[in-house]
Amino acid sequence: MQKGPKSVASGVLLGMLGAIAFGGKAIIVKLAYRHGVDAVTLIMLRMLFALPFFTAIAWWTSRPRNGITPVPLQVRDWLGIFGLGVTGYYLASFLDFAG
């Protein structure tokens, strides 16, 4: 599939925005620690702020496109997603913020 200049520019823009947001996380965490907030509270707030975005992404990707309906996830898939979320998102964030 050939990409046009518009899709490349939007990809670069989204990449830059992600890098800025990721770098800004450390600044926000340091400011929160200065006011006595602990790591668990910061992770909870981070997850609450991210929930609407992940919900919108889940809705967007579950829509039928070109007449093709996505296959629903099985219980085993949901358990794998949950396990990856706990270890890859919560545990990694906790260790990052606690460090």
PDB file of N, CA and C in Angstrom:
ATOM      1  N   MET A   1       0.835  -1.169   0.000  1.00  0.00           N
ATOM      2  CA  MET A   1       0.000   0.000   0.000  1.00  0.00           C
ATOM      3  C   MET A   1       0.883   1.235   0.000  1.00  0.00           C
ATOM      4  N   GLN A   2       0.601   2.134  -0.889  1.00  0.00           N
ATOM      5  CA  GLN A   2       1.393   3.344  -1.018  1.00  0.00           C
ATOM      6  C   GLN A   2       0.838   4.420  -0.096  1.00  0.00           C
ATOM      7  N   LYS A   3       1.730   5.101   0.606  1.00  0.00           N
ATOM      8  CA  LYS A   3       1.346   6.159   1.530  1.00  0.00           C
ATOM      9  C   LYS A   3       1.555   7.512   0.871  1.00  0.00           C
ATOM     10  N   GLY A   4       0.601   8.401   1.107  1.00  0.00           N
ATOM     11  CA  GLY A   4       0.711   9.749   0.569  1.00  0.00           C
ATOM     12  C   GLY A   4       1.422  10.664   1.536  1.00  0.00           C
ATOM     13  N   PRO A   5       1.776  11.869   1.094  1.00  0.00           N
ATOM     14  CA  PRO A   5       2.471  12.814   1.971  1.00  0.00           C
ATOM     15  C   PRO A   5       1.641  13.216   3.183  1.00  0.00           C
ATOM     16  N   LYS A   6       0.308  13.218   3.024  1.00  0.00           N
ATOM     17  CA  LYS A   6      -0.549  13.602   4.151  1.00  0.00           C
ATOM     18  C   LYS A   6      -0.476  12.565   5.270  1.00  0.00           C
ATOM     19  N   SER A   7      -0.478  11.271   4.921  1.00  0.00           N
ATOM     20  CA  SER A   7      -0.430  10.241   5.956  1.00  0.00           C
ATOM     21  C   SER A   7       0.944  10.190   6.620  1.00  0.00           C
ATOM     22  N   VAL A   8       1.997  10.468   5.872  1.00  0.00           N
ATOM     23  CA  VAL A   8       3.343  10.506   6.459  1.00  0.00           C
ATOM     24  C   VAL A   8       3.454  11.683   7.417  1.00  0.00           C
ATOM     25  N   ALA A   9       2.948  12.829   7.017  1.00  0.00           N
ATOM     26  CA  ALA A   9       3.004  14.014   7.878  1.00  0.00           C
ATOM     27  C   ALA A   9       2.199  13.800   9.157  1.00  0.00           C
ATOM     28  N   SER A  10       1.025  13.191   9.049  1.00  0.00           N
ATOM     29  CA  SER A  10       0.233  12.949  10.254  1.00  0.00           C
ATOM     30  C   SER A  10       0.915  11.913  11.150  1.00  0.00           C
ATOM     31  N   GLY A  11       1.603  10.939  10.559  1.00  0.00           N
ATOM     32  CA  GLY A  11       2.349   9.959  11.356  1.00  0.00           C
ATOM     33  C   GLY A  11       3.504  10.596  12.106  1.00  0.00           C
ATOM     34  N   VAL A  12       4.220  11.476  11.434  1.00  0.00           N
ATOM     35  CA  VAL A  12       5.331  12.183  12.076  1.00  0.00           C
ATOM     36  C   VAL A  12       4.802  13.086  13.185  1.00  0.00           C
ATOM     37  N   LEU A  13       3.700  13.782  12.926  1.00  0.00           N
ATOM     38  CA  LEU A  13       3.106  14.660  13.931  1.00  0.00           C
ATOM     39  C   LEU A  13       2.661  13.865  15.159  1.00  0.00           C
ATOM     40  N   LEU A  14       2.003  12.732  14.958  1.00  0.00           N
ATOM     41  CA  LEU A  14       1.577  11.903  16.084  1.00  0.00           C
ATOM     42  C   LEU A  14       2.775  11.338  16.845  1.00  0.00           C
ATOM     43  N   GLY A  15       3.838  10.973  16.132  1.00  0.00           N
ATOM     44  CA  GLY A  15       5.054  10.498  16.793  1.00  0.00           C
ATOM     45  C   GLY A  15       5.690  11.571  17.664  1.00  0.00           C
ATOM     46  N   MET A  16       5.744  12.795  17.153  1.00  0.00           N
ATOM     47  CA  MET A  16       6.303  13.903  17.924  1.00  0.00           C
ATOM     48  C   MET A  16       5.434  14.220  19.146  1.00  0.00           C
ATOM     49  N   LEU A  17       4.124  14.196  18.960  1.00  0.00           N
ATOM     50  CA  LEU A  17       3.216  14.452  20.074  1.00  0.00           C
ATOM     51  C   LEU A  17       3.365  13.386  21.160  1.00  0.00           C
ATOM     52  N   GLY A  18       3.510  12.129  20.750  1.00  0.00           N
ATOM     53  CA  GLY A  18       3.713  11.050  21.719  1.00  0.00           C
ATOM     54  C   GLY A  18       5.017  11.199  22.476  1.00  0.00           C
ATOM     55  N   ALA A  19       6.072  11.601  21.791  1.00  0.00           N
ATOM     56  CA  ALA A  19       7.365  11.785  22.444  1.00  0.00           C
ATOM     57  C   ALA A  19       7.312  12.938  23.446  1.00  0.00           C
ATOM     58  N   ILE A  20       6.643  14.016  23.083  1.00  0.00           N
ATOM     59  CA  ILE A  20       6.508  15.155  23.986  1.00  0.00           C
ATOM     60  C   ILE A  20       5.691  14.771  25.212  1.00  0.00           C
ATOM     61  N   ALA A  21       4.596  14.044  25.010  1.00  0.00           N
ATOM     62  CA  ALA A  21       3.760  13.624  26.135  1.00  0.00           C
ATOM     63  C   ALA A  21       4.516  12.662  27.047  1.00  0.00           C
ATOM     64  N   PHE A  22       5.278  11.744  26.445  1.00  0.00           N
ATOM     65  CA  PHE A  22       6.045  10.794  27.254  1.00  0.00           C
ATOM     66  C   PHE A  22       7.121  11.516  28.059  1.00  0.00           C
ATOM     67  N   GLY A  23       7.778  12.483  27.456  1.00  0.00           N
ATOM     68  CA  GLY A  23       8.795  13.247  28.168  1.00  0.00           C
ATOM     69  C   GLY A  23       8.192  14.146  29.242  1.00  0.00           C
ATOM     70  N   GLY A  24       7.001  14.660  28.997  1.00  0.00           N
ATOM     71  CA  GLY A  24       6.340  15.511  29.981  1.00  0.00           C
ATOM     72  C   GLY A  24       5.848  14.767  31.204  1.00  0.00           C
ATOM     73  N   LYS A  25       5.713  13.444  31.065  1.00  0.00           N
ATOM     74  CA  LYS A  25       5.261  12.629  32.202  1.00  0.00           C
ATOM     75  C   LYS A  25       6.204  12.773  33.383  1.00  0.00           C
ATOM     76  N   ALA A  26       7.500  12.759  33.155  1.00  0.00           N
ATOM     77  CA  ALA A  26       8.474  12.862  34.240  1.00  0.00           C
ATOM     78  C   ALA A  26       8.357  14.205  34.962  1.00  0.00           C
ATOM     79  N   ILE A  27       8.099  15.258  34.220  1.00  0.00           N
ATOM     80  CA  ILE A  27       7.950  16.574  34.835  1.00  0.00           C
ATOM     81  C   ILE A  27       6.716  16.607  35.725  1.00  0.00           C
ATOM     82  N   ILE A  28       5.608  16.057  35.227  1.00  0.00           N
ATOM     83  CA  ILE A  28       4.366  16.041  36.010  1.00  0.00           C
ATOM     84  C   ILE A  28       4.524  15.192  37.266  1.00  0.00           C
ATOM     85  N   VAL A  29       5.208  14.044  37.140  1.00  0.00           N
ATOM     86  CA  VAL A  29       5.416  13.169  38.300  1.00  0.00           C
ATOM     87  C   VAL A  29       6.264  13.871  39.350  1.00  0.00           C
ATOM     88  N   LYS A  30       7.327  14.551  38.937  1.00  0.00           N
ATOM     89  CA  LYS A  30       8.170  15.265  39.905  1.00  0.00           C
ATOM     90  C   LYS A  30       7.400  16.376  40.604  1.00  0.00           C
ATOM     91  N   LEU A  31       6.554  17.078  39.868  1.00  0.00           N
ATOM     92  CA  LEU A  31       5.736  18.115  40.497  1.00  0.00           C
ATOM     93  C   LEU A  31       4.733  17.518  41.479  1.00  0.00           C
ATOM     94  N   ALA A  32       4.166  16.365  41.137  1.00  0.00           N
ATOM     95  CA  ALA A  32       3.207  15.723  42.035  1.00  0.00           C
ATOM     96  C   ALA A  32       3.894  15.221  43.298  1.00  0.00           C
ATOM     97  N   TYR A  33       5.089  14.657  43.159  1.00  0.00           N
ATOM     98  CA  TYR A  33       5.820  14.188  44.339  1.00  0.00           C
ATOM     99  C   TYR A  33       6.162  15.351  45.270  1.00  0.00           C
ATOM    100  N   ARG A  34       6.402  16.508  44.703  1.00  0.00           N
ATOM    101  CA  ARG A  34       6.709  17.686  45.522  1.00  0.00           C
ATOM    102  C   ARG A  34       5.524  18.044  46.423  1.00  0.00           C
ATOM    103  N   HIS A  35       4.311  17.714  45.964  1.00  0.00           N
ATOM    104  CA  HIS A  35       3.108  18.020  46.744  1.00  0.00           C
ATOM    105  C   HIS A  35       2.628  16.841  47.567  1.00  0.00           C
ATOM    106  N   GLY A  36       3.442  15.791  47.687  1.00  0.00           N
ATOM    107  CA  GLY A  36       3.140  14.676  48.581  1.00  0.00           C
ATOM    108  C   GLY A  36       2.265  13.577  48.002  1.00  0.00           C
ATOM    109  N   VAL A  37       2.117  13.499  46.707  1.00  0.00           N
ATOM    110  CA  VAL A  37       1.308  12.453  46.085  1.00  0.00           C
ATOM    111  C   VAL A  37       2.156  11.192  45.958  1.00  0.00           C
ATOM    112  N   ASP A  38       1.581  10.018  46.249  1.00  0.00           N
ATOM    113  CA  ASP A  38       2.344   8.771  46.153  1.00  0.00           C
ATOM    114  C   ASP A  38       2.171   8.129  44.770  1.00  0.00           C
ATOM    115  N   ALA A  39       2.981   7.086  44.512  1.00  0.00           N
ATOM    116  CA  ALA A  39       3.018   6.447  43.198  1.00  0.00           C
ATOM    117  C   ALA A  39       1.698   5.782  42.833  1.00  0.00           C
ATOM    118  N   VAL A  40       1.037   5.149  43.797  1.00  0.00           N
ATOM    119  CA  VAL A  40      -0.219   4.447  43.511  1.00  0.00           C
ATOM    120  C   VAL A  40      -1.310   5.433  43.103  1.00  0.00           C
ATOM    121  N   THR A  41      -1.379   6.576  43.752  1.00  0.00           N
ATOM    122  CA  THR A  41      -2.362   7.596  43.397  1.00  0.00           C
ATOM    123  C   THR A  41      -2.085   8.149  42.001  1.00  0.00           C
ATOM    124  N   LEU A  42      -0.825   8.361  41.673  1.00  0.00           N
ATOM    125  CA  LEU A  42      -0.483   8.850  40.333  1.00  0.00           C
ATOM    126  C   LEU A  42      -0.865   7.850  39.255  1.00  0.00           C
ATOM    127  N   ILE A  43      -0.633   6.568  39.522  1.00  0.00           N
ATOM    128  CA  ILE A  43      -0.997   5.543  38.540  1.00  0.00           C
ATOM    129  C   ILE A  43      -2.513   5.495  38.370  1.00  0.00           C
ATOM    130  N   MET A  44      -3.254   5.605  39.473  1.00  0.00           N
ATOM    131  CA  MET A  44      -4.710   5.609  39.383  1.00  0.00           C
ATOM    132  C   MET A  44      -5.199   6.783  38.536  1.00  0.00           C
ATOM    133  N   LEU A  45      -4.645   7.960  38.775  1.00  0.00           N
ATOM    134  CA  LEU A  45      -5.042   9.129  37.996  1.00  0.00           C
ATOM    135  C   LEU A  45      -4.665   8.962  36.525  1.00  0.00           C
ATOM    136  N   ARG A  46      -3.495   8.397  36.268  1.00  0.00           N
ATOM    137  CA  ARG A  46      -3.065   8.169  34.890  1.00  0.00           C
ATOM    138  C   ARG A  46      -4.019   7.210  34.185  1.00  0.00           C
ATOM    139  N   MET A  47      -4.412   6.150  34.874  1.00  0.00           N
ATOM    140  CA  MET A  47      -5.331   5.179  34.278  1.00  0.00           C
ATOM    141  C   MET A  47      -6.715   5.781  34.067  1.00  0.00           C
ATOM    142  N   LEU A  48      -7.175   6.602  34.995  1.00  0.00           N
ATOM    143  CA  LEU A  48      -8.482   7.236  34.832  1.00  0.00           C
ATOM    144  C   LEU A  48      -8.492   8.212  33.659  1.00  0.00           C
ATOM    145  N   PHE A  49      -7.397   8.959  33.470  1.00  0.00           N
ATOM    146  CA  PHE A  49      -7.316   9.874  32.336  1.00  0.00           C
ATOM    147  C   PHE A  49      -7.194   9.122  31.013  1.00  0.00           C
ATOM    148  N   ALA A  50      -6.563   7.949  31.032  1.00  0.00           N
ATOM    149  CA  ALA A  50      -6.369   7.174  29.801  1.00  0.00           C
ATOM    150  C   ALA A  50      -7.611   6.370  29.419  1.00  0.00           C
ATOM    151  N   LEU A  51      -8.483   6.067  30.378  1.00  0.00           N
ATOM    152  CA  LEU A  51      -9.645   5.214  30.123  1.00  0.00           C
ATOM    153  C   LEU A  51     -10.529   5.706  28.977  1.00  0.00           C
ATOM    154  N   PRO A  52     -10.887   6.987  28.891  1.00  0.00           N
ATOM    155  CA  PRO A  52     -11.722   7.422  27.757  1.00  0.00           C
ATOM    156  C   PRO A  52     -11.048   7.216  26.401  1.00  0.00           C
ATOM    157  N   PHE A  53      -9.743   7.404  26.352  1.00  0.00           N
ATOM    158  CA  PHE A  53      -9.032   7.217  25.085  1.00  0.00           C
ATOM    159  C   PHE A  53      -9.019   5.752  24.672  1.00  0.00           C
ATOM    160  N   PHE A  54      -8.735   4.862  25.624  1.00  0.00           N
ATOM    161  CA  PHE A  54      -8.728   3.436  25.312  1.00  0.00           C
ATOM    162  C   PHE A  54     -10.132   2.928  24.980  1.00  0.00           C
ATOM    163  N   THR A  55     -11.152   3.485  25.621  1.00  0.00           N
ATOM    164  CA  THR A  55     -12.528   3.119  25.302  1.00  0.00           C
ATOM    165  C   THR A  55     -12.876   3.552  23.877  1.00  0.00           C
ATOM    166  N   ALA A  56     -12.469   4.745  23.507  1.00  0.00           N
ATOM    167  CA  ALA A  56     -12.725   5.234  22.141  1.00  0.00           C
ATOM    168  C   ALA A  56     -11.974   4.393  21.107  1.00  0.00           C
ATOM    169  N   ILE A  57     -10.752   4.006  21.406  1.00  0.00           N
ATOM    170  CA  ILE A  57      -9.979   3.169  20.484  1.00  0.00           C
ATOM    171  C   ILE A  57     -10.631   1.806  20.335  1.00  0.00           C
ATOM    172  N   ALA A  58     -11.093   1.226  21.458  1.00  0.00           N
ATOM    173  CA  ALA A  58     -11.764  -0.083  21.396  1.00  0.00           C
ATOM    174  C   ALA A  58     -13.039   0.009  20.572  1.00  0.00           C
ATOM    175  N   TRP A  59     -13.802   1.072  20.755  1.00  0.00           N
ATOM    176  CA  TRP A  59     -15.023   1.239  19.962  1.00  0.00           C
ATOM    177  C   TRP A  59     -14.686   1.404  18.485  1.00  0.00           C
ATOM    178  N   TRP A  60     -13.698   2.240  18.181  1.00  0.00           N
ATOM    179  CA  TRP A  60     -13.334   2.534  16.797  1.00  0.00           C
ATOM    180  C   TRP A  60     -12.877   1.274  16.062  1.00  0.00           C
ATOM    181  N   THR A  61     -12.075   0.459  16.714  1.00  0.00           N
ATOM    182  CA  THR A  61     -11.548  -0.735  16.049  1.00  0.00           C
ATOM    183  C   THR A  61     -12.559  -1.868  15.980  1.00  0.00           C
ATOM    184  N   SER A  62     -13.633  -1.802  16.754  1.00  0.00           N
ATOM    185  CA  SER A  62     -14.631  -2.877  16.716  1.00  0.00           C
ATOM    186  C   SER A  62     -15.739  -2.624  15.699  1.00  0.00           C
ATOM    187  N   ARG A  63     -15.697  -1.479  15.025  1.00  0.00           N
ATOM    188  CA  ARG A  63     -16.716  -1.168  14.023  1.00  0.00           C
ATOM    189  C   ARG A  63     -16.498  -1.978  12.757  1.00  0.00           C
ATOM    190  N   PRO A  64     -17.575  -2.379  12.093  1.00  0.00           N
ATOM    191  CA  PRO A  64     -17.411  -3.045  10.789  1.00  0.00           C
ATOM    192  C   PRO A  64     -16.851  -2.078   9.755  1.00  0.00           C
ATOM    193  N   ARG A  65     -15.894  -2.550   8.959  1.00  0.00           N
ATOM    194  CA  ARG A  65     -15.304  -1.737   7.901  1.00  0.00           C
ATOM    195  C   ARG A  65     -15.308  -2.533   6.600  1.00  0.00           C
ATOM    196  N   ASN A  66     -15.733  -1.890   5.535  1.00  0.00           N
ATOM    197  CA  ASN A  66     -15.805  -2.513   4.211  1.00  0.00           C
ATOM    198  C   ASN A  66     -16.660  -3.780   4.233  1.00  0.00           C
ATOM    199  N   GLY A  67     -17.697  -3.766   5.053  1.00  0.00           N
ATOM    200  CA  GLY A  67     -18.591  -4.914   5.131  1.00  0.00           C
ATOM    201  C   GLY A  67     -18.045  -6.085   5.933  1.00  0.00           C
ATOM    202  N   ILE A  68     -16.875  -5.920   6.566  1.00  0.00           N
ATOM    203  CA  ILE A  68     -16.262  -6.996   7.342  1.00  0.00           C
ATOM    204  C   ILE A  68     -16.421  -6.674   8.823  1.00  0.00           C
ATOM    205  N   THR A  69     -17.064  -7.585   9.542  1.00  0.00           N
ATOM    206  CA  THR A  69     -17.244  -7.417  10.975  1.00  0.00           C
ATOM    207  C   THR A  69     -16.076  -8.079  11.699  1.00  0.00           C
ATOM    208  N   PRO A  70     -15.420  -7.379  12.641  1.00  0.00           N
ATOM    209  CA  PRO A  70     -14.305  -7.986  13.374  1.00  0.00           C
ATOM    210  C   PRO A  70     -14.768  -9.193  14.187  1.00  0.00           C
ATOM    211  N   VAL A  71     -13.872 -10.157  14.344  1.00  0.00           N
ATOM    212  CA  VAL A  71     -14.166 -11.358  15.126  1.00  0.00           C
ATOM    213  C   VAL A  71     -14.115 -10.988  16.601  1.00  0.00           C
ATOM    214  N   PRO A  72     -15.155 -11.371  17.385  1.00  0.00           N
ATOM    215  CA  PRO A  72     -15.124 -11.042  18.816  1.00  0.00           C
ATOM    216  C   PRO A  72     -14.018 -11.819  19.535  1.00  0.00           C
ATOM    217  N   LEU A  73     -13.492 -11.222  20.592  1.00  0.00           N
ATOM    218  CA  LEU A  73     -12.429 -11.858  21.360  1.00  0.00           C
ATOM    219  C   LEU A  73     -12.989 -12.993  22.211  1.00  0.00           C
ATOM    220  N   GLN A  74     -12.201 -14.036  22.382  1.00  0.00           N
ATOM    221  CA  GLN A  74     -12.565 -15.170  23.216  1.00  0.00           C
ATOM    222  C   GLN A  74     -12.119 -14.887  24.654  1.00  0.00           C
ATOM    223  N   VAL A  75     -12.574 -15.728  25.595  1.00  0.00           N
ATOM    224  CA  VAL A  75     -12.228 -15.559  27.008  1.00  0.00           C
ATOM    225  C   VAL A  75     -10.711 -15.637  27.193  1.00  0.00           C
ATOM    226  N   ARG A  76     -10.065 -16.550  26.489  1.00  0.00           N
ATOM    227  CA  ARG A  76      -8.610 -16.695  26.588  1.00  0.00           C
ATOM    228  C   ARG A  76      -7.909 -15.405  26.140  1.00  0.00           C
ATOM    229  N   ASP A  77      -8.427 -14.771  25.105  1.00  0.00           N
ATOM    230  CA  ASP A  77      -7.856 -13.507  24.631  1.00  0.00           C
ATOM    231  C   ASP A  77      -7.990 -12.418  25.685  1.00  0.00           C
ATOM    232  N   TRP A  78      -9.186 -12.324  26.317  1.00  0.00           N
ATOM    233  CA  TRP A  78      -9.406 -11.319  27.354  1.00  0.00           C
ATOM    234  C   TRP A  78      -8.479 -11.538  28.545  1.00  0.00           C
ATOM    235  N   LEU A  79      -8.261 -12.803  28.916  1.00  0.00           N
ATOM    236  CA  LEU A  79      -7.353 -13.088  30.032  1.00  0.00           C
ATOM    237  C   LEU A  79      -5.924 -12.679  29.689  1.00  0.00           C
ATOM    238  N   GLY A  80      -5.503 -12.927  28.461  1.00  0.00           N
ATOM    239  CA  GLY A  80      -4.178 -12.500  28.030  1.00  0.00           C
ATOM    240  C   GLY A  80      -4.031 -10.993  28.023  1.00  0.00           C
ATOM    241  N   ILE A  81      -5.061 -10.310  27.557  1.00  0.00           N
ATOM    242  CA  ILE A  81      -5.043  -8.841  27.548  1.00  0.00           C
ATOM    243  C   ILE A  81      -4.977  -8.302  28.970  1.00  0.00           C
ATOM    244  N   PHE A  82      -5.755  -8.903  29.869  1.00  0.00           N
ATOM    245  CA  PHE A  82      -5.741  -8.474  31.269  1.00  0.00           C
ATOM    246  C   PHE A  82      -4.357  -8.694  31.888  1.00  0.00           C
ATOM    247  N   GLY A  83      -3.766  -9.863  31.641  1.00  0.00           N
ATOM    248  CA  GLY A  83      -2.434 -10.153  32.185  1.00  0.00           C
ATOM    249  C   GLY A  83      -1.379  -9.205  31.657  1.00  0.00           C
ATOM    250  N   LEU A  84      -1.433  -8.923  30.355  1.00  0.00           N
ATOM    251  CA  LEU A  84      -0.481  -7.968  29.782  1.00  0.00           C
ATOM    252  C   LEU A  84      -0.704  -6.559  30.325  1.00  0.00           C
ATOM    253  N   GLY A  85      -1.964  -6.200  30.558  1.00  0.00           N
ATOM    254  CA  GLY A  85      -2.254  -4.879  31.115  1.00  0.00           C
ATOM    255  C   GLY A  85      -1.708  -4.720  32.519  1.00  0.00           C
ATOM    256  N   VAL A  86      -1.868  -5.766  33.337  1.00  0.00           N
ATOM    257  CA  VAL A  86      -1.372  -5.692  34.716  1.00  0.00           C
ATOM    258  C   VAL A  86       0.150  -5.630  34.725  1.00  0.00           C
ATOM    259  N   THR A  87       0.798  -6.507  33.977  1.00  0.00           N
ATOM    260  CA  THR A  87       2.261  -6.532  34.017  1.00  0.00           C
ATOM    261  C   THR A  87       2.882  -5.420  33.182  1.00  0.00           C
ATOM    262  N   GLY A  88       2.329  -5.158  32.027  1.00  0.00           N
ATOM    263  CA  GLY A  88       2.951  -4.199  31.127  1.00  0.00           C
ATOM    264  C   GLY A  88       2.571  -2.766  31.391  1.00  0.00           C
ATOM    265  N   TYR A  89       1.412  -2.534  31.970  1.00  0.00           N
ATOM    266  CA  TYR A  89       0.990  -1.155  32.188  1.00  0.00           C
ATOM    267  C   TYR A  89       1.094  -0.779  33.662  1.00  0.00           C
ATOM    268  N   TYR A  90       0.427  -1.548  34.527  1.00  0.00           N
ATOM    269  CA  TYR A  90       0.427  -1.190  35.940  1.00  0.00           C
ATOM    270  C   TYR A  90       1.788  -1.407  36.579  1.00  0.00           C
ATOM    271  N   LEU A  91       2.343  -2.602  36.429  1.00  0.00           N
ATOM    272  CA  LEU A  91       3.606  -2.912  37.088  1.00  0.00           C
ATOM    273  C   LEU A  91       4.745  -2.042  36.544  1.00  0.00           C
ATOM    274  N   ALA A  92       4.793  -1.868  35.230  1.00  0.00           N
ATOM    275  CA  ALA A  92       5.843  -1.032  34.655  1.00  0.00           C
ATOM    276  C   ALA A  92       5.690   0.420  35.107  1.00  0.00           C
ATOM    277  N   SER A  93       4.462   0.919  35.161  1.00  0.00           N
ATOM    278  CA  SER A  93       4.237   2.293  35.623  1.00  0.00           C
ATOM    279  C   SER A  93       4.586   2.439  37.088  1.00  0.00           C
ATOM    280  N   PHE A  94       4.194   1.449  37.882  1.00  0.00           N
ATOM    281  CA  PHE A  94       4.500   1.514  39.323  1.00  0.00           C
ATOM    282  C   PHE A  94       6.012   1.546  39.557  1.00  0.00           C
ATOM    283  N   LEU A  95       6.735   0.663  38.882  1.00  0.00           N
ATOM    284  CA  LEU A  95       8.190   0.639  39.053  1.00  0.00           C
ATOM    285  C   LEU A  95       8.821   1.924  38.518  1.00  0.00           C
ATOM    286  N   ASP A  96       8.276   2.466  37.454  1.00  0.00           N
ATOM    287  CA  ASP A  96       8.788   3.729  36.908  1.00  0.00           C
ATOM    288  C   ASP A  96       8.559   4.874  37.878  1.00  0.00           C
ATOM    289  N   PHE A  97       7.346   4.977  38.407  1.00  0.00           N
ATOM    290  CA  PHE A  97       7.030   6.067  39.332  1.00  0.00           C
ATOM    291  C   PHE A  97       7.710   5.883  40.684  1.00  0.00           C
ATOM    292  N   ALA A  98       7.832   4.667  41.146  1.00  0.00           N
ATOM    293  CA  ALA A  98       8.488   4.428  42.439  1.00  0.00           C
ATOM    294  C   ALA A  98       9.987   4.686  42.356  1.00  0.00           C
ATOM    295  N   GLY A  99      10.566   4.491  41.161  1.00  0.00           N
ATOM    296  CA  GLY A  99      12.000   4.715  40.972  1.00  0.00           C
ATOM    297  C   GLY A  99      12.289   6.182  40.939  1.00  0.00           C
TER     298      GLY A  99
END
